[in-house]
Amino acid sequence: MSKKKEKEEEEVVDFSEISKSVLGTEDSLAALEGETFIIRSVEWRSTRLGEAALVEVEHKGTIKKYHTFSRVLIDQLKEIEEYLNQGKKVRVTLERKKRYYTFT
């Protein structure tokens, strides 16, 4: 590989890395597609890309924070928030339906 090509590769950053660092999360919730996990808490953040949900998740014995900009998931998280505010946790499975994600 030429020096110029190597330099270009070093300068390329995936957008997902930017959103993770800006939001302070592990990854997008989409990374958990097909998985069942427990939602422990949710907080809301306004960004230049719109409203984002930051979700603390318990999955396979670890607790991590994920984000989503999905309107469908955000609406469902707003419904779940009532239970979280009562100190409860909510078990969900993240599924992809055609072109969007949903909790079941």
N, C-alpha and C. Protein backbone atom coordinates (compact mmCIF):
# COMPACT_ATOMS: atom_id res chain seq x y z
N MET A 1 0.85 -1.19 0.00
CA MET A 1 0.00 0.00 0.00
C MET A 1 0.89 1.24 0.00
N SER A 2 0.54 2.21 -0.82
CA SER A 2 1.34 3.43 -0.91
C SER A 2 1.17 4.27 0.35
N LYS A 3 2.15 5.14 0.55
CA LYS A 3 2.11 6.03 1.72
C LYS A 3 0.86 6.92 1.68
N LYS A 4 0.50 7.40 0.48
CA LYS A 4 -0.68 8.25 0.35
C LYS A 4 -1.94 7.48 0.73
N LYS A 5 -2.06 6.24 0.26
CA LYS A 5 -3.23 5.41 0.57
C LYS A 5 -3.30 5.13 2.06
N GLU A 6 -2.16 4.83 2.69
CA GLU A 6 -2.12 4.59 4.14
C GLU A 6 -2.59 5.83 4.90
N LYS A 7 -2.12 6.99 4.48
CA LYS A 7 -2.51 8.24 5.16
C LYS A 7 -4.01 8.48 5.02
N GLU A 8 -4.59 8.22 3.84
CA GLU A 8 -6.02 8.39 3.65
C GLU A 8 -6.81 7.45 4.55
N GLU A 9 -6.36 6.21 4.69
CA GLU A 9 -7.04 5.23 5.54
C GLU A 9 -7.01 5.66 7.00
N GLU A 10 -5.90 6.25 7.44
CA GLU A 10 -5.77 6.70 8.83
C GLU A 10 -6.74 7.84 9.13
N GLU A 11 -7.09 8.64 8.12
CA GLU A 11 -7.94 9.80 8.31
C GLU A 11 -9.42 9.48 8.25
N VAL A 12 -9.80 8.27 7.89
CA VAL A 12 -11.21 7.89 7.77
C VAL A 12 -11.74 7.43 9.12
N VAL A 13 -12.85 8.04 9.53
CA VAL A 13 -13.49 7.69 10.80
C VAL A 13 -14.95 7.33 10.51
N ASP A 14 -15.40 6.20 11.04
CA ASP A 14 -16.80 5.81 10.89
C ASP A 14 -17.68 6.73 11.72
N PHE A 15 -18.83 7.12 11.15
CA PHE A 15 -19.75 7.99 11.87
C PHE A 15 -20.19 7.36 13.19
N SER A 16 -20.35 6.04 13.22
CA SER A 16 -20.77 5.37 14.45
C SER A 16 -19.80 5.65 15.59
N GLU A 17 -18.52 5.78 15.27
CA GLU A 17 -17.52 6.10 16.30
C GLU A 17 -17.72 7.50 16.85
N ILE A 18 -18.12 8.42 15.98
CA ILE A 18 -18.35 9.80 16.42
C ILE A 18 -19.56 9.86 17.34
N SER A 19 -20.66 9.22 16.94
CA SER A 19 -21.86 9.28 17.77
C SER A 19 -21.64 8.59 19.11
N LYS A 20 -20.86 7.51 19.12
CA LYS A 20 -20.58 6.83 20.40
C LYS A 20 -19.78 7.75 21.33
N SER A 21 -18.79 8.44 20.77
CA SER A 21 -17.96 9.30 21.63
C SER A 21 -18.73 10.53 22.09
N VAL A 22 -19.55 11.10 21.22
CA VAL A 22 -20.33 12.29 21.58
C VAL A 22 -21.37 11.94 22.64
N LEU A 23 -22.02 10.79 22.48
CA LEU A 23 -23.09 10.40 23.40
C LEU A 23 -22.58 9.64 24.62
N GLY A 24 -21.34 9.18 24.58
CA GLY A 24 -20.78 8.45 25.71
C GLY A 24 -21.40 7.08 25.89
N THR A 25 -21.71 6.40 24.78
CA THR A 25 -22.34 5.09 24.85
C THR A 25 -21.45 4.02 24.23
N GLU A 26 -21.80 2.79 24.50
CA GLU A 26 -21.08 1.64 23.97
C GLU A 26 -21.31 1.48 22.47
N ASP A 27 -22.56 1.61 22.06
CA ASP A 27 -22.93 1.36 20.66
C ASP A 27 -24.39 1.74 20.48
N SER A 28 -24.89 1.59 19.27
CA SER A 28 -26.31 1.78 18.99
C SER A 28 -27.08 0.57 19.49
N LEU A 29 -28.33 0.76 19.91
CA LEU A 29 -29.18 -0.36 20.31
C LEU A 29 -29.31 -1.40 19.19
N ALA A 30 -29.18 -0.97 17.95
CA ALA A 30 -29.29 -1.88 16.81
C ALA A 30 -28.28 -3.03 16.91
N ALA A 31 -27.20 -2.82 17.65
CA ALA A 31 -26.19 -3.87 17.83
C ALA A 31 -26.77 -5.06 18.60
N LEU A 32 -27.89 -4.86 19.29
CA LEU A 32 -28.52 -5.92 20.08
C LEU A 32 -29.70 -6.56 19.34
N GLU A 33 -29.77 -6.37 18.04
CA GLU A 33 -30.87 -6.95 17.25
C GLU A 33 -30.97 -8.46 17.48
N GLY A 34 -32.21 -8.90 17.77
CA GLY A 34 -32.46 -10.32 18.00
C GLY A 34 -32.17 -10.79 19.42
N GLU A 35 -31.67 -9.91 20.26
CA GLU A 35 -31.30 -10.25 21.63
C GLU A 35 -32.39 -9.84 22.61
N THR A 36 -32.46 -10.57 23.72
CA THR A 36 -33.32 -10.22 24.84
C THR A 36 -32.43 -9.62 25.92
N PHE A 37 -32.86 -8.49 26.49
CA PHE A 37 -32.06 -7.81 27.50
C PHE A 37 -32.99 -7.04 28.43
N ILE A 38 -32.41 -6.50 29.49
CA ILE A 38 -33.18 -5.76 30.49
C ILE A 38 -32.81 -4.28 30.41
N ILE A 39 -33.83 -3.45 30.30
CA ILE A 39 -33.63 -2.00 30.32
C ILE A 39 -33.67 -1.55 31.77
N ARG A 40 -32.60 -0.92 32.21
CA ARG A 40 -32.48 -0.48 33.59
C ARG A 40 -32.84 0.99 33.77
N SER A 41 -32.49 1.82 32.77
CA SER A 41 -32.81 3.25 32.84
C SER A 41 -32.73 3.84 31.44
N VAL A 42 -33.34 5.01 31.31
CA VAL A 42 -33.29 5.74 30.03
C VAL A 42 -33.17 7.23 30.34
N GLU A 43 -32.38 7.92 29.54
CA GLU A 43 -32.31 9.38 29.64
C GLU A 43 -32.38 9.94 28.23
N TRP A 44 -32.73 11.19 28.14
CA TRP A 44 -32.97 11.82 26.85
C TRP A 44 -31.93 12.88 26.58
N ARG A 45 -31.53 12.97 25.33
CA ARG A 45 -30.53 13.95 24.94
C ARG A 45 -30.93 14.58 23.62
N SER A 46 -30.92 15.90 23.56
CA SER A 46 -31.15 16.60 22.30
C SER A 46 -29.81 16.80 21.62
N THR A 47 -29.72 16.41 20.37
CA THR A 47 -28.49 16.56 19.60
C THR A 47 -28.81 17.28 18.31
N ARG A 48 -27.81 17.61 17.56
CA ARG A 48 -28.05 18.27 16.27
C ARG A 48 -28.71 17.32 15.29
N LEU A 49 -28.70 16.01 15.60
CA LEU A 49 -29.36 15.01 14.75
C LEU A 49 -30.79 14.74 15.19
N GLY A 50 -31.20 15.34 16.30
CA GLY A 50 -32.55 15.13 16.84
C GLY A 50 -32.48 14.52 18.22
N GLU A 51 -33.63 14.06 18.68
CA GLU A 51 -33.72 13.48 20.02
C GLU A 51 -33.08 12.09 20.03
N ALA A 52 -32.30 11.84 21.07
CA ALA A 52 -31.66 10.53 21.25
C ALA A 52 -32.03 10.00 22.62
N ALA A 53 -32.16 8.68 22.69
CA ALA A 53 -32.37 8.02 23.97
C ALA A 53 -31.08 7.31 24.34
N LEU A 54 -30.63 7.51 25.57
CA LEU A 54 -29.47 6.82 26.10
C LEU A 54 -30.01 5.78 27.07
N VAL A 55 -29.76 4.52 26.78
CA VAL A 55 -30.41 3.42 27.48
C VAL A 55 -29.37 2.57 28.19
N GLU A 56 -29.56 2.42 29.52
CA GLU A 56 -28.69 1.52 30.28
C GLU A 56 -29.30 0.13 30.23
N VAL A 57 -28.50 -0.83 29.74
CA VAL A 57 -28.97 -2.17 29.43
C VAL A 57 -28.16 -3.20 30.21
N GLU A 58 -28.87 -4.20 30.71
CA GLU A 58 -28.24 -5.36 31.33
C GLU A 58 -28.38 -6.52 30.35
N HIS A 59 -27.23 -7.03 29.88
CA HIS A 59 -27.25 -8.07 28.85
C HIS A 59 -26.10 -9.04 29.10
N LYS A 60 -26.45 -10.30 29.23
CA LYS A 60 -25.45 -11.36 29.45
C LYS A 60 -24.51 -11.04 30.61
N GLY A 61 -25.11 -10.54 31.70
CA GLY A 61 -24.35 -10.30 32.92
C GLY A 61 -23.56 -9.01 32.97
N THR A 62 -23.64 -8.19 31.93
CA THR A 62 -22.92 -6.91 31.95
C THR A 62 -23.91 -5.76 31.78
N ILE A 63 -23.52 -4.61 32.28
CA ILE A 63 -24.33 -3.40 32.16
C ILE A 63 -23.58 -2.42 31.27
N LYS A 64 -24.26 -1.99 30.20
CA LYS A 64 -23.66 -1.05 29.26
C LYS A 64 -24.70 -0.02 28.84
N LYS A 65 -24.21 1.10 28.32
CA LYS A 65 -25.10 2.16 27.85
C LYS A 65 -25.09 2.18 26.32
N TYR A 66 -26.30 2.21 25.73
CA TYR A 66 -26.48 2.24 24.29
C TYR A 66 -27.31 3.47 23.93
N HIS A 67 -27.33 3.81 22.65
CA HIS A 67 -28.13 4.95 22.19
C HIS A 67 -29.00 4.54 21.02
N THR A 68 -30.06 5.34 20.80
CA THR A 68 -30.89 5.17 19.62
C THR A 68 -31.49 6.50 19.22
N PHE A 69 -31.63 6.68 17.91
CA PHE A 69 -32.34 7.82 17.35
C PHE A 69 -33.66 7.36 16.73
N SER A 70 -33.95 6.06 16.82
CA SER A 70 -35.14 5.47 16.20
C SER A 70 -36.41 6.03 16.84
N ARG A 71 -37.28 6.60 16.01
CA ARG A 71 -38.53 7.19 16.50
C ARG A 71 -39.41 6.12 17.14
N VAL A 72 -39.49 4.93 16.55
CA VAL A 72 -40.31 3.86 17.10
C VAL A 72 -39.78 3.45 18.47
N LEU A 73 -38.47 3.23 18.59
CA LEU A 73 -37.90 2.84 19.89
C LEU A 73 -38.03 3.94 20.92
N ILE A 74 -37.84 5.19 20.50
CA ILE A 74 -37.99 6.30 21.45
C ILE A 74 -39.42 6.36 21.98
N ASP A 75 -40.41 6.19 21.11
CA ASP A 75 -41.80 6.18 21.57
C ASP A 75 -42.05 5.04 22.56
N GLN A 76 -41.50 3.86 22.27
CA GLN A 76 -41.68 2.73 23.19
C GLN A 76 -40.94 2.97 24.50
N LEU A 77 -39.77 3.58 24.43
CA LEU A 77 -39.01 3.88 25.65
C LEU A 77 -39.75 4.89 26.53
N LYS A 78 -40.47 5.81 25.93
CA LYS A 78 -41.26 6.78 26.71
C LYS A 78 -42.37 6.06 27.48
N GLU A 79 -42.94 5.01 26.87
CA GLU A 79 -43.94 4.20 27.58
C GLU A 79 -43.29 3.40 28.71
N ILE A 80 -42.12 2.87 28.45
CA ILE A 80 -41.39 2.06 29.44
C ILE A 80 -40.92 2.92 30.60
N GLU A 81 -40.64 4.19 30.34
CA GLU A 81 -40.07 5.08 31.35
C GLU A 81 -40.91 5.14 32.63
N GLU A 82 -42.22 5.06 32.51
CA GLU A 82 -43.10 5.07 33.68
C GLU A 82 -42.73 3.94 34.65
N TYR A 83 -42.47 2.77 34.12
CA TYR A 83 -42.10 1.62 34.96
C TYR A 83 -40.69 1.80 35.54
N LEU A 84 -39.79 2.34 34.74
CA LEU A 84 -38.42 2.57 35.21
C LEU A 84 -38.41 3.58 36.36
N ASN A 85 -39.27 4.59 36.28
CA ASN A 85 -39.36 5.61 37.34
C ASN A 85 -39.90 5.02 38.64
N GLN A 86 -40.57 3.88 38.57
CA GLN A 86 -41.06 3.20 39.77
C GLN A 86 -40.01 2.23 40.33
N GLY A 87 -38.80 2.25 39.74
CA GLY A 87 -37.73 1.38 40.21
C GLY A 87 -37.76 -0.01 39.59
N LYS A 88 -38.63 -0.21 38.63
CA LYS A 88 -38.72 -1.51 37.97
C LYS A 88 -37.77 -1.55 36.77
N LYS A 89 -37.45 -2.75 36.34
CA LYS A 89 -36.66 -2.96 35.12
C LYS A 89 -37.59 -3.64 34.12
N VAL A 90 -37.28 -3.48 32.84
CA VAL A 90 -38.16 -4.02 31.80
C VAL A 90 -37.36 -4.92 30.86
N ARG A 91 -37.83 -6.16 30.70
CA ARG A 91 -37.19 -7.12 29.78
C ARG A 91 -37.81 -6.97 28.40
N VAL A 92 -36.97 -6.83 27.38
CA VAL A 92 -37.43 -6.67 26.00
C VAL A 92 -36.58 -7.54 25.07
N THR A 93 -37.11 -7.76 23.89
CA THR A 93 -36.34 -8.34 22.79
C THR A 93 -36.38 -7.32 21.67
N LEU A 94 -35.22 -7.02 21.10
CA LEU A 94 -35.15 -6.05 20.01
C LEU A 94 -35.25 -6.78 18.68
N GLU A 95 -36.28 -6.44 17.92
CA GLU A 95 -36.50 -7.08 16.62
C GLU A 95 -36.54 -6.05 15.52
N ARG A 96 -36.14 -6.49 14.35
CA ARG A 96 -36.23 -5.64 13.16
C ARG A 96 -37.45 -6.05 12.36
N LYS A 97 -38.32 -5.09 12.08
CA LYS A 97 -39.53 -5.30 11.28
C LYS A 97 -39.37 -4.47 10.01
N LYS A 98 -39.12 -5.13 8.91
CA LYS A 98 -38.89 -4.47 7.63
C LYS A 98 -37.79 -3.42 7.77
N ARG A 99 -38.17 -2.13 7.86
CA ARG A 99 -37.15 -1.07 7.90
C ARG A 99 -37.05 -0.35 9.25
N TYR A 100 -37.60 -0.93 10.31
CA TYR A 100 -37.50 -0.28 11.61
C TYR A 100 -37.30 -1.33 12.71
N TYR A 101 -36.86 -0.86 13.87
CA TYR A 101 -36.68 -1.72 15.05
C TYR A 101 -37.85 -1.51 16.00
N THR A 102 -38.15 -2.58 16.76
CA THR A 102 -39.21 -2.50 17.75
C THR A 102 -38.88 -3.44 18.90
N PHE A 103 -39.40 -3.11 20.08
CA PHE A 103 -39.29 -4.01 21.24
C PHE A 103 -40.48 -4.94 21.26
N THR A 104 -40.25 -6.19 21.62
CA THR A 104 -41.34 -7.13 21.83
C THR A 104 -41.17 -7.76 23.19
